[in-house]
Protein backbone atom coordinates (compact mmCIF):
# COMPACT_ATOMS: atom_id res chain seq x y z
CA MET A 1 -19.23 -9.17 -5.99
CA ASP A 2 -18.43 -9.12 -9.79
CA ASN A 3 -21.21 -6.84 -11.79
CA ILE A 4 -19.63 -7.76 -15.34
CA ARG A 5 -18.34 -11.42 -15.28
CA GLY A 6 -20.65 -13.45 -16.66
CA ARG A 7 -23.55 -10.96 -16.87
CA THR A 8 -25.64 -10.48 -20.14
CA ILE A 9 -25.11 -6.92 -21.39
CA ALA A 10 -27.23 -5.67 -23.94
CA ILE A 11 -25.82 -2.72 -25.86
CA THR A 12 -27.34 -0.39 -28.58
CA GLY A 13 -25.97 1.34 -31.60
CA ALA A 14 -22.86 -0.78 -31.04
CA ALA A 15 -21.49 -1.94 -34.53
CA ARG A 16 -18.96 1.11 -33.99
CA GLY A 17 -17.71 4.01 -32.07
CA ILE A 18 -18.53 4.08 -28.19
CA GLY A 19 -21.02 1.13 -28.27
CA TYR A 20 -18.06 -0.89 -30.02
CA ALA A 21 -15.78 0.16 -27.80
CA THR A 22 -17.55 -0.89 -24.78
CA ALA A 23 -18.54 -3.79 -26.03
CA LYS A 24 -14.51 -4.75 -26.23
CA ALA A 25 -14.01 -3.56 -22.92
CA LEU A 26 -16.76 -5.75 -21.27
CA LEU A 27 -15.52 -8.90 -23.44
CA THR A 28 -12.47 -7.91 -21.64
CA ARG A 29 -13.87 -8.31 -18.39
CA GLY A 30 -15.95 -11.50 -19.08
CA ALA A 31 -19.55 -10.40 -19.69
CA ARG A 32 -21.90 -11.94 -22.32
CA VAL A 33 -22.41 -9.25 -24.83
CA VAL A 34 -25.25 -8.70 -27.39
CA ILE A 35 -25.08 -5.68 -29.44
CA GLY A 36 -27.72 -4.09 -31.78
CA ASP A 37 -27.67 -1.68 -34.77
CA ARG A 38 -29.87 -0.34 -37.61
CA ASP A 39 -26.68 -0.96 -40.43
CA VAL A 40 -26.94 -4.90 -40.93
CA ALA A 41 -23.49 -5.29 -42.72
CA ILE A 42 -21.49 -3.07 -40.30
CA LEU A 43 -23.36 -4.93 -37.35
CA GLY A 44 -22.06 -8.19 -38.94
CA SER A 45 -18.45 -6.96 -39.40
CA ALA A 46 -18.34 -5.48 -35.56
CA VAL A 47 -19.50 -9.19 -34.25
CA SER A 48 -17.05 -11.16 -36.39
CA GLY A 49 -14.44 -8.55 -35.11
CA LEU A 50 -15.56 -8.97 -31.14
CA SER A 51 -15.86 -12.94 -31.41
CA SER A 52 -12.22 -13.73 -30.22
CA LEU A 53 -12.75 -12.09 -27.36
CA GLY A 54 -15.60 -13.67 -25.78
CA PRO A 55 -19.23 -14.49 -25.99
CA VAL A 56 -20.89 -11.79 -28.31
CA SER A 57 -23.78 -11.79 -30.66
CA GLY A 58 -25.63 -9.13 -32.85
CA TYR A 59 -29.06 -8.74 -34.33
CA PRO A 60 -30.62 -5.81 -36.00
CA LEU A 61 -32.14 -3.05 -33.89
CA ASP A 62 -34.19 0.09 -34.72
CA VAL A 63 -34.29 1.78 -31.07
CA THR A 64 -37.44 3.84 -32.78
CA ASP A 65 -39.29 1.09 -33.10
CA GLN A 66 -40.49 -0.49 -29.96
CA GLU A 67 -41.17 -4.14 -31.59
CA SER A 68 -37.62 -3.97 -32.86
CA PHE A 69 -36.50 -3.31 -29.85
CA ALA A 70 -38.83 -5.89 -28.05
CA THR A 71 -37.39 -8.77 -30.51
CA PHE A 72 -33.95 -7.29 -29.59
CA LEU A 73 -34.20 -7.61 -26.13
CA ASP A 74 -35.82 -11.01 -26.19
CA LYS A 75 -32.93 -12.47 -28.51
CA ALA A 76 -30.61 -11.08 -25.95
CA ARG A 77 -32.40 -13.09 -23.52
CA SER A 78 -32.22 -16.01 -25.01
CA ASP A 79 -28.33 -15.87 -25.63
CA GLY A 80 -27.96 -15.03 -22.12
CA SER A 81 -29.44 -16.58 -18.95
CA GLY A 82 -32.52 -16.04 -19.58
CA HIS A 83 -32.56 -12.11 -18.69
CA ILE A 84 -30.98 -8.97 -18.87
CA ASP A 85 -28.23 -7.54 -16.11
CA VAL A 86 -27.49 -4.53 -17.92
CA LEU A 87 -28.93 -2.24 -20.89
CA ILE A 88 -26.71 0.28 -22.28
CA ASN A 89 -28.69 2.74 -24.29
CA ASN A 90 -25.95 4.05 -26.32
CA ALA A 91 -27.83 4.71 -30.00
CA GLY A 92 -27.68 8.82 -30.70
CA VAL A 93 -27.45 10.67 -34.06
CA MET A 94 -26.47 14.35 -33.97
CA PRO A 95 -27.25 16.78 -36.63
CA VAL A 96 -25.79 20.32 -36.44
CA GLY A 97 -25.59 23.57 -37.82
CA PRO A 98 -28.04 26.48 -37.55
CA PHE A 99 -31.78 25.66 -35.90
CA LEU A 100 -33.60 27.10 -38.72
CA SER A 101 -31.82 25.19 -40.91
CA GLN A 102 -32.52 21.68 -39.61
CA SER A 103 -34.92 19.91 -41.14
CA ASP A 104 -38.18 18.36 -39.90
CA GLU A 105 -36.86 14.60 -40.53
CA ALA A 106 -33.46 16.03 -38.85
CA ILE A 107 -35.44 17.10 -35.94
CA ARG A 108 -37.96 14.04 -35.52
CA SER A 109 -35.13 11.58 -36.28
CA SER A 110 -32.99 13.21 -33.22
CA ILE A 111 -35.87 13.12 -30.81
CA GLU A 112 -36.92 9.58 -31.65
CA VAL A 113 -33.44 8.04 -31.58
CA ASN A 114 -31.92 10.14 -28.90
CA LEU A 115 -34.77 10.60 -26.41
CA TYR A 116 -37.93 8.08 -26.89
CA GLY A 117 -35.43 5.22 -27.95
CA VAL A 118 -33.85 5.57 -24.56
CA LEU A 119 -37.58 5.60 -22.74
CA THR A 120 -38.36 2.42 -24.89
CA GLY A 121 -35.27 0.60 -23.37
CA CYS A 122 -36.07 1.92 -19.87
CA ARG A 123 -39.41 0.82 -20.40
CA LEU A 124 -38.97 -2.62 -21.71
CA VAL A 125 -36.40 -3.73 -19.51
CA LEU A 126 -37.52 -2.56 -16.27
CA PRO A 127 -40.32 -4.77 -15.24
CA ASP A 128 -37.99 -7.39 -15.22
CA MET A 129 -35.38 -5.99 -13.59
CA VAL A 130 -37.72 -4.78 -11.13
CA LYS A 131 -39.33 -8.51 -10.70
CA ARG A 132 -35.53 -9.65 -9.93
CA ARG A 133 -34.65 -6.48 -7.84
CA SER A 134 -31.34 -6.63 -9.99
CA GLY A 135 -30.04 -4.76 -12.99
CA HIS A 136 -28.92 -1.72 -14.27
CA ILE A 137 -29.69 0.62 -16.98
CA ILE A 138 -26.56 2.82 -18.76
CA ASN A 139 -27.81 5.95 -20.43
CA ILE A 140 -25.50 7.62 -23.07
CA ALA A 141 -26.02 11.28 -22.78
CA SER A 142 -23.44 14.21 -23.68
CA LEU A 143 -22.34 17.22 -21.46
CA ALA A 144 -24.47 19.00 -24.20
CA GLY A 145 -26.91 17.64 -21.67
CA VAL A 146 -25.49 20.20 -19.45
CA VAL A 147 -24.23 23.22 -21.00
CA ALA A 148 -25.85 23.81 -24.39
CA VAL A 149 -24.10 25.60 -27.09
CA PRO A 150 -25.28 27.24 -30.39
CA GLY A 151 -25.80 24.45 -33.42
CA GLN A 152 -26.66 21.84 -31.28
CA VAL A 153 -30.16 23.14 -30.38
CA VAL A 154 -32.28 19.79 -30.98
CA TYR A 155 -29.19 17.52 -29.78
CA ALA A 156 -28.85 19.55 -26.84
CA GLY A 157 -32.52 19.41 -26.06
CA THR A 158 -32.62 15.44 -26.29
CA LYS A 159 -29.60 15.25 -24.12
CA PHE A 160 -30.66 17.55 -21.45
CA GLY A 161 -33.76 14.90 -21.78
CA VAL A 162 -31.85 11.78 -21.05
CA VAL A 163 -30.09 13.66 -18.14
CA GLY A 164 -33.05 14.52 -16.38
CA LEU A 165 -35.23 11.06 -17.17
CA SER A 166 -31.87 9.13 -15.65
CA THR A 167 -31.80 11.38 -12.73
CA ALA A 168 -35.55 10.56 -12.07
CA LEU A 169 -35.21 6.98 -12.92
CA ALA A 170 -32.56 6.32 -10.76
CA ASP A 171 -34.18 7.80 -7.60
CA GLU A 172 -37.75 6.05 -8.33
CA PHE A 173 -35.99 2.78 -9.08
CA ALA A 174 -33.38 2.41 -6.25
CA PRO A 175 -35.85 1.16 -3.57
CA GLN A 176 -36.64 -1.84 -6.17
CA GLY A 177 -33.13 -2.53 -6.33
CA VAL A 178 -32.29 -1.41 -9.72
CA GLU A 179 -29.26 0.97 -10.72
CA VAL A 180 -29.47 3.89 -13.29
CA SER A 181 -26.63 5.76 -14.36
CA VAL A 182 -26.13 8.31 -17.01
CA VAL A 183 -22.75 8.98 -18.88
CA MET A 184 -22.16 12.45 -19.91
CA PRO A 185 -18.95 12.66 -22.77
CA THR A 186 -17.70 15.86 -24.18
CA PHE A 187 -16.71 15.56 -27.67
CA THR A 188 -15.86 12.24 -28.74
CA ASN A 189 -13.79 11.42 -31.78
CA THR A 190 -16.12 9.51 -33.35
CA GLU A 191 -18.08 10.24 -36.74
CA LEU A 192 -20.40 12.79 -34.72
CA ILE A 193 -18.02 15.31 -34.93
CA SER A 194 -16.64 14.53 -38.65
CA GLY A 195 -15.88 18.39 -40.32
CA THR A 196 -15.55 20.24 -37.01
CA LYS A 197 -13.04 21.80 -35.45
CA ALA A 198 -11.76 21.16 -31.76
CA THR A 199 -11.54 24.27 -29.68
CA GLY A 200 -8.78 24.89 -27.21
CA ALA A 201 -11.44 24.35 -24.55
CA GLN A 202 -12.55 20.72 -25.52
CA LYS A 203 -9.91 18.25 -26.30
CA PRO A 204 -12.09 15.07 -27.66
CA VAL A 205 -11.76 11.87 -25.85
CA GLN A 206 -11.73 8.76 -27.27
CA PRO A 207 -14.54 5.89 -27.28
CA GLU A 208 -12.08 3.72 -25.15
CA ASP A 209 -12.32 6.72 -22.68
CA ILE A 210 -16.06 6.45 -22.32
CA ALA A 211 -15.77 2.62 -22.65
CA ALA A 212 -13.44 2.56 -19.58
CA ALA A 213 -16.24 4.86 -17.41
CA ILE A 214 -19.22 2.31 -18.50
CA VAL A 215 -16.88 -0.50 -16.92
CA LYS A 216 -16.14 1.81 -13.87
CA VAL A 217 -19.98 2.75 -13.08
CA LEU A 218 -20.75 -0.90 -13.12
CA ASP A 219 -17.98 -1.87 -10.80
CA LYS A 220 -19.14 0.86 -8.80
CA PRO A 221 -22.31 2.27 -9.63
CA LYS A 222 -23.33 6.12 -9.33
CA THR A 223 -26.06 8.34 -11.26
CA HIS A 224 -23.93 10.73 -12.92
CA VAL A 225 -20.37 10.37 -15.02
CA SER A 226 -18.82 12.73 -16.94
CA VAL A 227 -16.03 11.96 -19.25
CA PRO A 228 -13.58 13.52 -18.24
CA GLY A 229 -14.76 13.43 -14.66
CA PRO A 230 -14.30 17.34 -13.45
CA LEU A 231 -15.91 18.69 -16.55
CA ARG A 232 -19.40 17.96 -14.69
CA PHE A 233 -18.71 20.36 -12.37
CA VAL A 234 -17.74 22.83 -14.79
CA GLY A 235 -20.46 22.36 -16.66
CA ALA A 236 -22.90 22.66 -13.81
CA VAL A 237 -21.35 25.90 -12.61
CA THR A 238 -21.23 27.10 -16.53
CA ALA A 239 -24.87 26.38 -16.31
CA MET A 240 -25.63 28.74 -13.60
CA LEU A 241 -23.95 31.93 -15.19
CA GLY A 242 -25.57 34.90 -16.26
CA PRO A 243 -26.01 35.27 -20.25
CA ARG A 244 -23.65 37.83 -20.68
CA THR A 245 -20.89 35.39 -18.78
CA ARG A 246 -21.93 32.33 -20.57
CA ARG A 247 -21.73 34.19 -23.94
CA TRP A 248 -18.53 35.23 -23.32
CA LEU A 249 -17.04 32.35 -21.85
CA SER A 250 -18.71 30.39 -25.02
CA LYS A 251 -16.86 33.13 -27.48
CA LYS A 252 -13.97 32.54 -25.48
CA THR A 253 -13.57 28.79 -25.75
CA GLY A 254 -14.45 28.65 -29.37
CA ASN A 255 -18.10 27.02 -28.61
CA ASP A 256 -19.90 29.41 -29.67
CA ARG A 257 -19.13 28.68 -33.55
CA VAL A 258 -17.87 24.84 -33.39
CA PHE A 259 -21.56 23.25 -34.56
CA LEU A 260 -22.18 26.68 -36.83
CA ASP A 261 -18.61 26.69 -38.46
CA PHE A 262 -17.63 23.26 -40.14
CA ASP A 263 -16.41 21.60 -42.99
CA VAL A 264 -19.88 20.86 -44.67
CA LYS A 265 -18.16 18.71 -47.30
CA ALA A 266 -16.67 16.29 -44.85
CA ARG A 267 -19.39 16.13 -42.58
CA GLN A 268 -22.00 15.13 -45.23
CA GLY A 269 -21.78 11.56 -44.87
CA TYR A 270 -22.54 11.45 -41.29
CA GLU A 271 -25.44 14.16 -41.56
CA ASP A 272 -27.06 11.96 -44.42
CA ARG A 273 -27.23 9.07 -42.05
CA ALA A 274 -27.97 10.96 -38.95
CA GLN A 275 -31.15 12.52 -40.43
CA HIS A 276 -32.29 9.59 -41.69
CA ALA A 277 -31.90 7.75 -38.91
CA THR A 278 -35.16 5.29 -38.34
CA GLY A 279 -35.32 1.85 -39.86
CA VAL A 280 -33.33 -0.87 -40.26
CA VAL A 281 -30.72 -0.94 -43.18
CA GLU A 282 -30.05 -4.30 -45.05
CA GLU A 283 -27.36 -3.35 -47.19
């Protein structure tokens, strides 16, 4: 059975980056794709850019607002077969820097988008999926949800939460016919890492690599997916190290400073958007 062709797949935060690359990959496989984003202008451009690949539509979406999320999903259902086969909770933000320099707004924005937004999406689609005994939720987390590094305190906290809730959901809802997966990329070559320098141990992957992993886990469902694959096991071992060894390894690989020492000017545009990531932007 093809888990993609003809299916209605909703993707949050999909006007750019990983979400956009995923939409392209799924349209190529014959899915009906509905994308949501809070930036209406970029959303419109994204739909135009994808329209030649297959049936795609897009609607404004603020994942921190339950009513906005519910409206988006209702429109996605009406565009498709009346139900959502797959929800990809992709929307996320990554403010970085010293913990004590993080504003209250940046902290709250990260938690609302990265964690609460995922929970909201899950709560809204699961009742129908359980009723039909069919469906797949894919939550986009990060390897920061397995191994935390300095400069990513709040981000890591939210992504650890997404990994944990996805694992628990997967086991709770498997008997009811619903698959739940969590995809954990390493540093990805999107605006999220603007102004930072890649370390010798962390070569950024491309959004298309994440999209390919999502396609693969739809074809053959499993709970945990890391990109690149082997890093999941490296991360698991690293997480069990004692503090001295962990800090030595982090320093050796350059991960101890990558999100503390960055080009503030080059990152400013993204940081401004990430720290004010609630509400729909009409212009």
